[in-house]
PDB file of N, CA and C in Angstrom:
ATOM      1  N   UNK A   1      25.735 -22.293  -9.313  1.00  0.00           N
ATOM      2  CA  UNK A   1      24.604 -21.558  -9.237  1.00  0.00           C
ATOM      3  C   UNK A   1      24.978 -20.524  -9.821  1.00  0.00           C
ATOM      4  N   UNK A   2      24.483 -19.805 -10.967  1.00  0.00           N
ATOM      5  CA  UNK A   2      24.895 -18.624 -11.244  1.00  0.00           C
ATOM      6  C   UNK A   2      24.652 -17.231 -10.561  1.00  0.00           C
ATOM      7  N   UNK A   3      25.531 -16.255 -10.792  1.00  0.00           N
ATOM      8  CA  UNK A   3      25.464 -15.232  -9.689  1.00  0.00           C
ATOM      9  C   UNK A   3      24.140 -14.344  -9.948  1.00  0.00           C
ATOM     10  N   UNK A   4      23.508 -14.886 -10.599  1.00  0.00           N
ATOM     11  CA  UNK A   4      22.093 -13.736 -10.265  1.00  0.00           C
ATOM     12  C   UNK A   4      20.945 -14.821  -9.880  1.00  0.00           C
ATOM     13  N   UNK A   5      21.406 -16.265  -9.476  1.00  0.00           N
ATOM     14  CA  UNK A   5      20.481 -17.079  -9.283  1.00  0.00           C
ATOM     15  C   UNK A   5      20.136 -17.160  -7.658  1.00  0.00           C
ATOM     16  N   UNK A   6      19.229 -16.724  -7.105  1.00  0.00           N
ATOM     17  CA  UNK A   6      18.605 -17.153  -5.707  1.00  0.00           C
ATOM     18  C   UNK A   6      19.346 -17.824  -4.757  1.00  0.00           C
ATOM     19  N   UNK A   7      19.448 -18.262  -3.730  1.00  0.00           N
ATOM     20  CA  UNK A   7      19.563 -18.774  -2.628  1.00  0.00           C
ATOM     21  C   UNK A   7      18.015 -20.124  -2.832  1.00  0.00           C
ATOM     22  N   UNK A   8      18.132 -20.639  -2.234  1.00  0.00           N
ATOM     23  CA  UNK A   8      16.233 -21.612  -2.199  1.00  0.00           C
ATOM     24  C   UNK A   8      15.565 -20.589  -1.046  1.00  0.00           C
ATOM     25  N   UNK A   9      15.965 -20.715  -0.386  1.00  0.00           N
ATOM     26  CA  UNK A   9      16.016 -19.316   0.962  1.00  0.00           C
ATOM     27  C   UNK A   9      15.741 -18.146   0.740  1.00  0.00           C
ATOM     28  N   UNK A  10      15.873 -17.736  -0.369  1.00  0.00           N
ATOM     29  CA  UNK A  10      15.394 -16.320  -0.974  1.00  0.00           C
ATOM     30  C   UNK A  10      15.119 -16.009  -2.297  1.00  0.00           C
ATOM     31  N   UNK A  11      14.245 -14.900  -2.032  1.00  0.00           N
ATOM     32  CA  UNK A  11      13.351 -14.462  -3.319  1.00  0.00           C
ATOM     33  C   UNK A  11      13.468 -12.763  -3.931  1.00  0.00           C
ATOM     34  N   UNK A  12      13.278 -12.832  -5.186  1.00  0.00           N
ATOM     35  CA  UNK A  12      13.259 -11.143  -5.608  1.00  0.00           C
ATOM     36  C   UNK A  12      11.858 -10.922  -5.032  1.00  0.00           C
ATOM     37  N   UNK A  13      12.008  -9.073  -4.331  1.00  0.00           N
ATOM     38  CA  UNK A  13      10.506  -8.922  -3.791  1.00  0.00           C
ATOM     39  C   UNK A  13       9.848  -8.887  -5.690  1.00  0.00           C
ATOM     40  N   UNK A  14      10.046  -8.895  -6.583  1.00  0.00           N
ATOM     41  CA  UNK A  14       9.247  -9.208  -8.087  1.00  0.00           C
ATOM     42  C   UNK A  14       8.695 -10.396  -8.108  1.00  0.00           C
ATOM     43  N   UNK A  15       9.023 -11.440  -7.683  1.00  0.00           N
ATOM     44  CA  UNK A  15       8.413 -12.580  -7.901  1.00  0.00           C
ATOM     45  C   UNK A  15       7.465 -12.819  -6.930  1.00  0.00           C
ATOM     46  N   UNK A  16       7.526 -12.197  -5.544  1.00  0.00           N
ATOM     47  CA  UNK A  16       6.497 -11.990  -4.311  1.00  0.00           C
ATOM     48  C   UNK A  16       5.185 -11.487  -5.017  1.00  0.00           C
ATOM     49  N   UNK A  17       5.312 -10.661  -5.632  1.00  0.00           N
ATOM     50  CA  UNK A  17       4.080  -9.530  -5.806  1.00  0.00           C
ATOM     51  C   UNK A  17       3.534 -10.741  -7.557  1.00  0.00           C
ATOM     52  N   UNK A  18       1.924 -10.994  -6.665  1.00  0.00           N
ATOM     53  CA  UNK A  18       0.904 -11.789  -7.510  1.00  0.00           C
ATOM     54  C   UNK A  18       0.888 -13.118  -6.770  1.00  0.00           C
ATOM     55  N   UNK A  19       2.074 -13.618  -5.607  1.00  0.00           N
ATOM     56  CA  UNK A  19       2.108 -14.607  -4.781  1.00  0.00           C
ATOM     57  C   UNK A  19       0.639 -14.747  -4.205  1.00  0.00           C
ATOM     58  N   UNK A  20      -0.224 -16.240  -4.610  1.00  0.00           N
ATOM     59  CA  UNK A  20      -1.234 -16.606  -3.303  1.00  0.00           C
ATOM     60  C   UNK A  20      -1.112 -16.420  -2.007  1.00  0.00           C
ATOM     61  N   UNK A  21      -2.330 -16.305  -1.503  1.00  0.00           N
ATOM     62  CA  UNK A  21      -2.167 -16.427  -0.425  1.00  0.00           C
ATOM     63  C   UNK A  21      -3.485 -16.959   0.087  1.00  0.00           C
ATOM     64  N   UNK A  22      -3.313 -18.121   0.959  1.00  0.00           N
ATOM     65  CA  UNK A  22      -4.180 -19.049   1.611  1.00  0.00           C
ATOM     66  C   UNK A  22      -4.401 -18.863   2.793  1.00  0.00           C
ATOM     67  N   UNK A  23      -5.599 -19.800   3.442  1.00  0.00           N
ATOM     68  CA  UNK A  23      -6.218 -19.669   4.557  1.00  0.00           C
ATOM     69  C   UNK A  23      -5.649 -21.173   5.018  1.00  0.00           C
ATOM     70  N   UNK A  24      -5.436 -21.734   6.558  1.00  0.00           N
ATOM     71  CA  UNK A  24      -4.342 -23.200   6.651  1.00  0.00           C
ATOM     72  C   UNK A  24      -5.535 -24.155   6.316  1.00  0.00           C
ATOM     73  N   UNK A  25      -6.985 -23.889   5.985  1.00  0.00           N
ATOM     74  CA  UNK A  25      -8.496 -24.790   5.900  1.00  0.00           C
ATOM     75  C   UNK A  25      -8.010 -24.331   3.713  1.00  0.00           C
ATOM     76  N   UNK A  26      -6.776 -24.110   3.081  1.00  0.00           N
ATOM     77  CA  UNK A  26      -6.964 -23.366   2.224  1.00  0.00           C
ATOM     78  C   UNK A  26      -7.966 -23.060   1.292  1.00  0.00           C
ATOM     79  N   UNK A  27      -8.230 -22.282   1.962  1.00  0.00           N
ATOM     80  CA  UNK A  27      -9.314 -21.003   0.705  1.00  0.00           C
ATOM     81  C   UNK A  27      -8.648 -19.946   0.189  1.00  0.00           C
ATOM     82  N   UNK A  28      -8.706 -19.637  -1.047  1.00  0.00           N
ATOM     83  CA  UNK A  28      -7.691 -18.436  -1.462  1.00  0.00           C
ATOM     84  C   UNK A  28      -8.350 -17.282  -0.407  1.00  0.00           C
ATOM     85  N   UNK A  29      -7.133 -16.485  -0.269  1.00  0.00           N
ATOM     86  CA  UNK A  29      -7.959 -15.003   0.714  1.00  0.00           C
ATOM     87  C   UNK A  29      -7.270 -14.041  -0.295  1.00  0.00           C
ATOM     88  N   UNK A  30      -6.294 -14.180  -1.878  1.00  0.00           N
ATOM     89  CA  UNK A  30      -5.874 -13.215  -2.121  1.00  0.00           C
ATOM     90  C   UNK A  30      -4.260 -13.413  -3.076  1.00  0.00           C
ATOM     91  N   UNK A  31      -4.295 -12.351  -3.269  1.00  0.00           N
ATOM     92  CA  UNK A  31      -2.839 -12.349  -3.599  1.00  0.00           C
ATOM     93  C   UNK A  31      -1.825 -10.824  -3.467  1.00  0.00           C
ATOM     94  N   UNK A  32      -0.443 -11.347  -2.892  1.00  0.00           N
ATOM     95  CA  UNK A  32       0.508 -10.639  -2.654  1.00  0.00           C
ATOM     96  C   UNK A  32       0.715  -9.318  -3.606  1.00  0.00           C
ATOM     97  N   UNK A  33       0.335  -8.142  -3.002  1.00  0.00           N
ATOM     98  CA  UNK A  33      -0.145  -6.931  -4.093  1.00  0.00           C
ATOM     99  C   UNK A  33       1.593  -6.289  -4.213  1.00  0.00           C
ATOM    100  N   UNK A  34       1.884  -6.148  -2.846  1.00  0.00           N
ATOM    101  CA  UNK A  34       3.434  -5.271  -2.280  1.00  0.00           C
ATOM    102  C   UNK A  34       3.803  -5.689  -1.188  1.00  0.00           C
ATOM    103  N   UNK A  35       5.094  -5.392  -0.790  1.00  0.00           N
ATOM    104  CA  UNK A  35       5.587  -5.713   0.394  1.00  0.00           C
ATOM    105  C   UNK A  35       6.062  -4.182   1.010  1.00  0.00           C
ATOM    106  N   UNK A  36       6.308  -4.148   2.451  1.00  0.00           N
ATOM    107  CA  UNK A  36       6.815  -2.708   3.021  1.00  0.00           C
ATOM    108  C   UNK A  36       7.835  -3.324   3.427  1.00  0.00           C
ATOM    109  N   UNK A  37       9.043  -2.420   3.104  1.00  0.00           N
ATOM    110  CA  UNK A  37      10.301  -2.300   4.038  1.00  0.00           C
ATOM    111  C   UNK A  37      10.652  -1.756   5.594  1.00  0.00           C
ATOM    112  N   UNK A  38      11.800  -2.271   6.006  1.00  0.00           N
ATOM    113  CA  UNK A  38      11.898  -1.204   6.902  1.00  0.00           C
ATOM    114  C   UNK A  38      13.085  -0.056   6.377  1.00  0.00           C
ATOM    115  N   UNK A  39      13.084   1.334   6.839  1.00  0.00           N
ATOM    116  CA  UNK A  39      13.352   1.838   6.036  1.00  0.00           C
ATOM    117  C   UNK A  39      14.831   2.400   6.227  1.00  0.00           C
ATOM    118  N   UNK A  40      15.078   1.605   7.757  1.00  0.00           N
ATOM    119  CA  UNK A  40      16.578   1.646   8.529  1.00  0.00           C
ATOM    120  C   UNK A  40      16.980   0.738   8.514  1.00  0.00           C
ATOM    121  N   UNK A  41      16.275  -0.640   8.602  1.00  0.00           N
ATOM    122  CA  UNK A  41      17.549  -2.174   8.740  1.00  0.00           C
ATOM    123  C   UNK A  41      17.115  -3.009   7.158  1.00  0.00           C
ATOM    124  N   UNK A  42      16.126  -1.908   6.526  1.00  0.00           N
ATOM    125  CA  UNK A  42      15.756  -3.242   5.533  1.00  0.00           C
ATOM    126  C   UNK A  42      14.825  -4.502   5.616  1.00  0.00           C
ATOM    127  N   UNK A  43      14.669  -4.824   6.813  1.00  0.00           N
ATOM    128  CA  UNK A  43      14.274  -6.114   6.410  1.00  0.00           C
ATOM    129  C   UNK A  43      12.504  -6.356   5.963  1.00  0.00           C
ATOM    130  N   UNK A  44      11.751  -7.269   5.357  1.00  0.00           N
ATOM    131  CA  UNK A  44      11.014  -6.791   4.848  1.00  0.00           C
ATOM    132  C   UNK A  44       9.669  -6.802   6.641  1.00  0.00           C
ATOM    133  N   UNK A  45       8.692  -5.876   6.413  1.00  0.00           N
ATOM    134  CA  UNK A  45       8.323  -6.035   7.911  1.00  0.00           C
ATOM    135  C   UNK A  45       6.474  -6.347   6.952  1.00  0.00           C
ATOM    136  N   UNK A  46       6.002  -6.176   5.924  1.00  0.00           N
ATOM    137  CA  UNK A  46       4.933  -6.205   5.558  1.00  0.00           C
ATOM    138  C   UNK A  46       4.367  -6.994   4.435  1.00  0.00           C
ATOM    139  N   UNK A  47       3.065  -7.634   4.172  1.00  0.00           N
ATOM    140  CA  UNK A  47       2.722  -8.341   2.784  1.00  0.00           C
ATOM    141  C   UNK A  47       1.448  -7.352   2.479  1.00  0.00           C
ATOM    142  N   UNK A  48       1.408  -6.248   1.460  1.00  0.00           N
ATOM    143  CA  UNK A  48       0.168  -6.685   1.254  1.00  0.00           C
ATOM    144  C   UNK A  48      -0.774  -7.592   0.337  1.00  0.00           C
ATOM    145  N   UNK A  49      -2.076  -7.893   1.396  1.00  0.00           N
ATOM    146  CA  UNK A  49      -3.006  -8.764   0.293  1.00  0.00           C
ATOM    147  C   UNK A  49      -3.938  -7.960   0.029  1.00  0.00           C
ATOM    148  N   UNK A  50      -3.458  -8.058  -1.650  1.00  0.00           N
ATOM    149  CA  UNK A  50      -4.858  -7.663  -2.094  1.00  0.00           C
ATOM    150  C   UNK A  50      -5.825  -8.790  -2.394  1.00  0.00           C
ATOM    151  N   UNK A  51      -7.217  -8.349  -2.398  1.00  0.00           N
ATOM    152  CA  UNK A  51      -8.827 -10.009  -2.435  1.00  0.00           C
ATOM    153  C   UNK A  51     -10.062  -8.748  -2.722  1.00  0.00           C
ATOM    154  N   UNK A  52     -10.567  -9.542  -3.459  1.00  0.00           N
ATOM    155  CA  UNK A  52     -11.450  -9.026  -3.400  1.00  0.00           C
ATOM    156  C   UNK A  52     -12.130  -8.110  -4.730  1.00  0.00           C
ATOM    157  N   UNK A  53     -12.835  -7.734  -5.339  1.00  0.00           N
ATOM    158  CA  UNK A  53     -12.522  -6.846  -6.399  1.00  0.00           C
ATOM    159  C   UNK A  53     -12.844  -7.911  -8.326  1.00  0.00           C
ATOM    160  N   UNK A  54     -12.348  -7.142  -9.020  1.00  0.00           N
ATOM    161  CA  UNK A  54     -12.265  -7.934 -10.125  1.00  0.00           C
ATOM    162  C   UNK A  54     -11.452  -6.748 -11.279  1.00  0.00           C
ATOM    163  N   UNK A  55     -10.479  -7.335 -11.120  1.00  0.00           N
ATOM    164  CA  UNK A  55      -8.941  -6.758 -11.885  1.00  0.00           C
ATOM    165  C   UNK A  55      -8.259  -5.593 -11.507  1.00  0.00           C
ATOM    166  N   UNK A  56      -8.528  -5.633 -10.290  1.00  0.00           N
ATOM    167  CA  UNK A  56      -7.994  -4.999  -9.606  1.00  0.00           C
ATOM    168  C   UNK A  56      -8.422  -3.503  -8.950  1.00  0.00           C
ATOM    169  N   UNK A  57     -10.072  -3.429  -9.953  1.00  0.00           N
ATOM    170  CA  UNK A  57     -11.250  -2.397  -9.149  1.00  0.00           C
ATOM    171  C   UNK A  57     -11.746  -3.377  -8.099  1.00  0.00           C
ATOM    172  N   UNK A  58     -12.312  -1.975  -7.083  1.00  0.00           N
ATOM    173  CA  UNK A  58     -12.743  -2.588  -5.818  1.00  0.00           C
ATOM    174  C   UNK A  58     -11.987  -3.879  -4.515  1.00  0.00           C
ATOM    175  N   UNK A  59     -10.741  -3.697  -4.975  1.00  0.00           N
ATOM    176  CA  UNK A  59      -9.954  -4.699  -4.070  1.00  0.00           C
ATOM    177  C   UNK A  59     -10.200  -3.942  -2.794  1.00  0.00           C
ATOM    178  N   UNK A  60      -9.263  -4.294  -2.167  1.00  0.00           N
ATOM    179  CA  UNK A  60      -9.403  -4.130  -0.431  1.00  0.00           C
ATOM    180  C   UNK A  60      -8.068  -4.500  -0.480  1.00  0.00           C
ATOM    181  N   UNK A  61      -7.028  -3.847   1.076  1.00  0.00           N
ATOM    182  CA  UNK A  61      -5.749  -4.035   0.646  1.00  0.00           C
ATOM    183  C   UNK A  61      -5.650  -4.046   2.241  1.00  0.00           C
ATOM    184  N   UNK A  62      -5.437  -5.372   2.809  1.00  0.00           N
ATOM    185  CA  UNK A  62      -4.548  -5.716   4.009  1.00  0.00           C
ATOM    186  C   UNK A  62      -3.597  -6.517   4.316  1.00  0.00           C
ATOM    187  N   UNK A  63      -2.581  -5.250   5.377  1.00  0.00           N
ATOM    188  CA  UNK A  63      -1.289  -5.317   5.189  1.00  0.00           C
ATOM    189  C   UNK A  63      -0.856  -6.501   6.338  1.00  0.00           C
ATOM    190  N   UNK A  64      -0.379  -7.433   6.131  1.00  0.00           N
ATOM    191  CA  UNK A  64      -0.080  -8.662   6.997  1.00  0.00           C
ATOM    192  C   UNK A  64       1.558  -8.444   7.428  1.00  0.00           C
ATOM    193  N   UNK A  65       1.864  -9.303   8.785  1.00  0.00           N
ATOM    194  CA  UNK A  65       2.795  -9.075   9.323  1.00  0.00           C
ATOM    195  C   UNK A  65       3.538  -9.964   8.275  1.00  0.00           C
ATOM    196  N   UNK A  66       5.181  -9.717   7.939  1.00  0.00           N
ATOM    197  CA  UNK A  66       5.150 -10.731   7.232  1.00  0.00           C
ATOM    198  C   UNK A  66       5.968 -12.202   7.896  1.00  0.00           C
ATOM    199  N   UNK A  67       6.303 -11.994   9.353  1.00  0.00           N
ATOM    200  CA  UNK A  67       6.068 -12.897  10.091  1.00  0.00           C
ATOM    201  C   UNK A  67       5.105 -14.093   9.623  1.00  0.00           C
ATOM    202  N   UNK A  68       3.901 -13.737   9.713  1.00  0.00           N
ATOM    203  CA  UNK A  68       2.774 -14.250   9.484  1.00  0.00           C
ATOM    204  C   UNK A  68       3.000 -15.209   8.596  1.00  0.00           C
ATOM    205  N   UNK A  69       3.235 -14.989   7.613  1.00  0.00           N
ATOM    206  CA  UNK A  69       3.222 -15.925   6.787  1.00  0.00           C
ATOM    207  C   UNK A  69       4.203 -16.771   6.419  1.00  0.00           C
ATOM    208  N   UNK A  70       3.616 -18.315   5.884  1.00  0.00           N
ATOM    209  CA  UNK A  70       4.583 -19.817   5.807  1.00  0.00           C
ATOM    210  C   UNK A  70       4.385 -19.907   4.603  1.00  0.00           C
ATOM    211  N   UNK A  71       5.504 -20.224   3.700  1.00  0.00           N
ATOM    212  CA  UNK A  71       5.227 -20.429   2.458  1.00  0.00           C
ATOM    213  C   UNK A  71       5.103 -21.799   1.894  1.00  0.00           C
ATOM    214  N   UNK A  72       4.441 -22.534   1.596  1.00  0.00           N
ATOM    215  CA  UNK A  72       3.622 -24.212   1.225  1.00  0.00           C
ATOM    216  C   UNK A  72       4.320 -24.316  -0.395  1.00  0.00           C
ATOM    217  N   UNK A  73       5.534 -25.095  -0.055  1.00  0.00           N
ATOM    218  CA  UNK A  73       5.525 -25.595  -1.743  1.00  0.00           C
ATOM    219  C   UNK A  73       4.804 -26.362  -2.611  1.00  0.00           C
ATOM    220  N   UNK A  74       3.681 -26.675  -2.007  1.00  0.00           N
ATOM    221  CA  UNK A  74       2.595 -27.683  -2.158  1.00  0.00           C
ATOM    222  C   UNK A  74       1.712 -26.809  -2.918  1.00  0.00           C
ATOM    223  N   UNK A  75       1.216 -25.633  -2.410  1.00  0.00           N
ATOM    224  CA  UNK A  75       0.393 -25.107  -2.350  1.00  0.00           C
ATOM    225  C   UNK A  75       1.121 -23.776  -3.491  1.00  0.00           C
ATOM    226  N   UNK A  76       2.330 -23.613  -3.830  1.00  0.00           N
ATOM    227  CA  UNK A  76       3.055 -22.857  -4.740  1.00  0.00           C
ATOM    228  C   UNK A  76       2.668 -21.381  -3.788  1.00  0.00           C
ATOM    229  N   UNK A  77       2.261 -20.883  -2.840  1.00  0.00           N
ATOM    230  CA  UNK A  77       1.742 -19.268  -2.370  1.00  0.00           C
ATOM    231  C   UNK A  77       2.384 -19.777  -0.303  1.00  0.00           C
ATOM    232  N   UNK A  78       1.897 -18.673  -0.291  1.00  0.00           N
ATOM    233  CA  UNK A  78       1.774 -18.699   1.334  1.00  0.00           C
ATOM    234  C   UNK A  78       0.405 -18.955   1.859  1.00  0.00           C
ATOM    235  N   UNK A  79       0.515 -18.924   3.321  1.00  0.00           N
ATOM    236  CA  UNK A  79      -0.818 -19.302   3.852  1.00  0.00           C
ATOM    237  C   UNK A  79      -0.267 -18.898   4.891  1.00  0.00           C
ATOM    238  N   UNK A  80      -1.575 -18.556   5.840  1.00  0.00           N
ATOM    239  CA  UNK A  80      -1.539 -17.542   7.028  1.00  0.00           C
ATOM    240  C   UNK A  80      -2.735 -18.178   7.633  1.00  0.00           C
ATOM    241  N   UNK A  81      -2.479 -18.051   9.159  1.00  0.00           N
ATOM    242  CA  UNK A  81      -3.257 -18.646   9.970  1.00  0.00           C
ATOM    243  C   UNK A  81      -4.685 -18.061  10.567  1.00  0.00           C
ATOM    244  N   UNK A  82      -5.350 -17.583   9.197  1.00  0.00           N
ATOM    245  CA  UNK A  82      -6.396 -16.526   9.844  1.00  0.00           C
ATOM    246  C   UNK A  82      -7.251 -16.930   9.179  1.00  0.00           C
ATOM    247  N   UNK A  83      -8.788 -17.041   9.272  1.00  0.00           N
ATOM    248  CA  UNK A  83      -9.800 -17.530   8.409  1.00  0.00           C
ATOM    249  C   UNK A  83     -10.578 -15.765   7.288  1.00  0.00           C
ATOM    250  N   UNK A  84     -11.219 -16.140   6.127  1.00  0.00           N
ATOM    251  CA  UNK A  84     -11.087 -15.158   5.522  1.00  0.00           C
ATOM    252  C   UNK A  84     -12.079 -13.871   6.259  1.00  0.00           C
ATOM    253  N   UNK A  85     -12.619 -14.808   7.998  1.00  0.00           N
ATOM    254  CA  UNK A  85     -13.248 -13.652   8.323  1.00  0.00           C
ATOM    255  C   UNK A  85     -12.851 -12.897   9.406  1.00  0.00           C
ATOM    256  N   UNK A  86     -11.877 -13.392   9.788  1.00  0.00           N
ATOM    257  CA  UNK A  86     -10.669 -12.508  11.040  1.00  0.00           C
ATOM    258  C   UNK A  86      -9.579 -11.804  10.092  1.00  0.00           C
ATOM    259  N   UNK A  87      -9.213 -11.809   8.219  1.00  0.00           N
ATOM    260  CA  UNK A  87      -8.888 -11.237   7.122  1.00  0.00           C
ATOM    261  C   UNK A  87      -9.641  -9.923   7.513  1.00  0.00           C
ATOM    262  N   UNK A  88     -10.946 -10.192   7.034  1.00  0.00           N
ATOM    263  CA  UNK A  88     -11.746  -8.578   6.887  1.00  0.00           C
ATOM    264  C   UNK A  88     -11.667  -8.291   8.289  1.00  0.00           C
ATOM    265  N   UNK A  89     -11.691  -8.820   9.599  1.00  0.00           N
ATOM    266  CA  UNK A  89     -11.988  -8.025  10.403  1.00  0.00           C
ATOM    267  C   UNK A  89     -10.846  -7.206  10.960  1.00  0.00           C
ATOM    268  N   UNK A  90      -9.687  -7.517  10.160  1.00  0.00           N
ATOM    269  CA  UNK A  90      -8.623  -7.011  10.615  1.00  0.00           C
ATOM    270  C   UNK A  90      -8.255  -5.396   9.713  1.00  0.00           C
ATOM    271  N   UNK A  91      -6.716  -4.550  10.044  1.00  0.00           N
ATOM    272  CA  UNK A  91      -6.737  -3.323   9.218  1.00  0.00           C
ATOM    273  C   UNK A  91      -6.653  -4.230   7.896  1.00  0.00           C
ATOM    274  N   UNK A  92      -7.193  -3.063   7.279  1.00  0.00           N
ATOM    275  CA  UNK A  92      -7.327  -2.882   5.546  1.00  0.00           C
ATOM    276  C   UNK A  92      -7.624  -1.432   5.096  1.00  0.00           C
ATOM    277  N   UNK A  93      -7.300  -1.116   3.602  1.00  0.00           N
ATOM    278  CA  UNK A  93      -7.702   0.631   3.188  1.00  0.00           C
ATOM    279  C   UNK A  93      -8.123  -0.262   1.625  1.00  0.00           C
ATOM    280  N   UNK A  94      -8.513   0.821   0.411  1.00  0.00           N
ATOM    281  CA  UNK A  94      -8.646   0.844  -0.428  1.00  0.00           C
ATOM    282  C   UNK A  94      -7.487   1.614  -0.858  1.00  0.00           C
ATOM    283  N   UNK A  95      -7.344   1.428  -1.744  1.00  0.00           N
ATOM    284  CA  UNK A  95      -6.276   1.417  -2.692  1.00  0.00           C
ATOM    285  C   UNK A  95      -6.024   2.800  -2.628  1.00  0.00           C
ATOM    286  N   UNK A  96      -7.253   3.417  -2.662  1.00  0.00           N
ATOM    287  CA  UNK A  96      -7.141   5.648  -3.204  1.00  0.00           C
ATOM    288  C   UNK A  96      -7.190   5.869  -1.417  1.00  0.00           C
ATOM    289  N   UNK A  97      -6.741   5.119  -0.499  1.00  0.00           N
ATOM    290  CA  UNK A  97      -6.881   5.777   0.927  1.00  0.00           C
ATOM    291  C   UNK A  97      -5.310   4.854   1.893  1.00  0.00           C
ATOM    292  N   UNK A  98      -4.722   4.694   0.583  1.00  0.00           N
ATOM    293  CA  UNK A  98      -3.088   4.265   1.063  1.00  0.00           C
ATOM    294  C   UNK A  98      -2.938   4.604   2.390  1.00  0.00           C
ATOM    295  N   UNK A  99      -2.361   4.201   3.978  1.00  0.00           N
ATOM    296  CA  UNK A  99      -2.134   4.518   4.658  1.00  0.00           C
ATOM    297  C   UNK A  99      -0.369   5.139   4.770  1.00  0.00           C
ATOM    298  N   UNK A 100      -0.568   6.278   5.984  1.00  0.00           N
ATOM    299  CA  UNK A 100       1.167   6.535   5.917  1.00  0.00           C
ATOM    300  C   UNK A 100       2.397   5.752   6.610  1.00  0.00           C
ATOM    301  N   UNK A 101       3.148   4.827   5.896  1.00  0.00           N
ATOM    302  CA  UNK A 101       3.889   4.215   6.758  1.00  0.00           C
ATOM    303  C   UNK A 101       4.960   4.814   7.833  1.00  0.00           C
ATOM    304  N   UNK A 102       4.623   5.689   7.811  1.00  0.00           N
ATOM    305  CA  UNK A 102       5.219   6.773   8.782  1.00  0.00           C
ATOM    306  C   UNK A 102       4.958   6.982   9.771  1.00  0.00           C
ATOM    307  N   UNK A 103       3.809   6.715  10.416  1.00  0.00           N
ATOM    308  CA  UNK A 103       2.847   6.618  11.557  1.00  0.00           C
ATOM    309  C   UNK A 103       2.892   5.410  12.113  1.00  0.00           C
ATOM    310  N   UNK A 104       3.995   5.186  13.040  1.00  0.00           N
ATOM    311  CA  UNK A 104       4.319   4.254  13.828  1.00  0.00           C
ATOM    312  C   UNK A 104       3.074   3.578  14.556  1.00  0.00           C
ATOM    313  N   UNK A 105       1.918   3.938  14.564  1.00  0.00           N
ATOM    314  CA  UNK A 105       0.645   3.592  15.383  1.00  0.00           C
ATOM    315  C   UNK A 105       0.189   2.973  14.378  1.00  0.00           C
ATOM    316  N   UNK A 106       0.343   2.997  13.233  1.00  0.00           N
ATOM    317  CA  UNK A 106      -0.320   1.988  11.828  1.00  0.00           C
ATOM    318  C   UNK A 106       0.286   0.643  11.964  1.00  0.00           C
ATOM    319  N   UNK A 107       1.601   0.513  12.007  1.00  0.00           N
ATOM    320  CA  UNK A 107       1.994  -0.597  12.266  1.00  0.00           C
ATOM    321  C   UNK A 107       1.666  -1.707  13.304  1.00  0.00           C
ATOM    322  N   UNK A 108       2.085  -0.158  14.346  1.00  0.00           N
ATOM    323  CA  UNK A 108       1.405  -1.397  15.993  1.00  0.00           C
ATOM    324  C   UNK A 108       0.289  -1.523  16.333  1.00  0.00           C
ATOM    325  N   UNK A 109      -0.651  -1.225  15.672  1.00  0.00           N
ATOM    326  CA  UNK A 109      -1.784  -1.659  14.747  1.00  0.00           C
ATOM    327  C   UNK A 109      -2.252  -2.852  14.285  1.00  0.00           C
ATOM    328  N   UNK A 110      -1.438  -2.946  13.460  1.00  0.00           N
ATOM    329  CA  UNK A 110      -2.131  -4.677  12.373  1.00  0.00           C
ATOM    330  C   UNK A 110      -0.724  -5.764  13.517  1.00  0.00           C
ATOM    331  N   UNK A 111       0.692  -5.754  13.695  1.00  0.00           N
ATOM    332  CA  UNK A 111       1.068  -6.270  14.920  1.00  0.00           C
ATOM    333  C   UNK A 111       0.335  -6.920  16.035  1.00  0.00           C
ATOM    334  N   UNK A 112      -0.793  -6.280  16.749  1.00  0.00           N
ATOM    335  CA  UNK A 112      -0.790  -6.148  17.018  1.00  0.00           C
ATOM    336  C   UNK A 112      -2.334  -7.007  17.251  1.00  0.00           C
ATOM    337  N   UNK A 113      -2.906  -6.702  16.188  1.00  0.00           N
ATOM    338  CA  UNK A 113      -4.278  -7.553  15.835  1.00  0.00           C
ATOM    339  C   UNK A 113      -3.683  -9.181  15.550  1.00  0.00           C
ATOM    340  N   UNK A 114      -2.662  -8.499  14.396  1.00  0.00           N
ATOM    341  CA  UNK A 114      -1.766 -10.336  14.073  1.00  0.00           C
ATOM    342  C   UNK A 114      -1.273 -10.749  15.736  1.00  0.00           C
ATOM    343  N   UNK A 115      -1.003 -10.652  16.463  1.00  0.00           N
ATOM    344  CA  UNK A 115      -0.555 -11.186  17.986  1.00  0.00           C
ATOM    345  C   UNK A 115       1.321 -10.670  17.024  1.00  0.00           C
ATOM    346  N   UNK A 116       1.710  -9.958  16.629  1.00  0.00           N
ATOM    347  CA  UNK A 116       3.394  -9.945  16.847  1.00  0.00           C
ATOM    348  C   UNK A 116       4.228  -9.147  16.467  1.00  0.00           C
ATOM    349  N   UNK A 117       3.170  -8.099  17.914  1.00  0.00           N
ATOM    350  CA  UNK A 117       4.453  -6.823  17.980  1.00  0.00           C
ATOM    351  C   UNK A 117       5.175  -7.544  19.832  1.00  0.00           C
ATOM    352  N   UNK A 118       6.436  -7.006  18.557  1.00  0.00           N
ATOM    353  CA  UNK A 118       7.702  -7.631  20.240  1.00  0.00           C
ATOM    354  C   UNK A 118       7.460  -6.893  20.991  1.00  0.00           C
ATOM    355  N   UNK A 119       7.499  -7.800  22.373  1.00  0.00           N
ATOM    356  CA  UNK A 119       6.794  -6.666  23.879  1.00  0.00           C
ATOM    357  C   UNK A 119       8.369  -5.862  24.049  1.00  0.00           C
TER     358      UNK A 119
END
């Protein structure tokens, strides 16, 4: 392995962007647009799923707790255990209305919706 080659269970953030996300039924839900890191601990907290629209116009963005994403090598993308209707019922925003990640309540709302918030 060369010094710049990542281990099999690691991936560069730049390669995560654009990766397709599927429901457990195999439906394409969208693609990863960005990831959100913990400022202090450096851990990946959320993946921002872009869904709908055309060529970036009219897309909605769905923050997903990183813990709900499972990589499926057969599909070459991430799988989450929600339907499109559940996704669309969850926290989302338009590109021009991006949330303030400095507000801890926003992250709690996301984690509560997906059942990933630590007690």
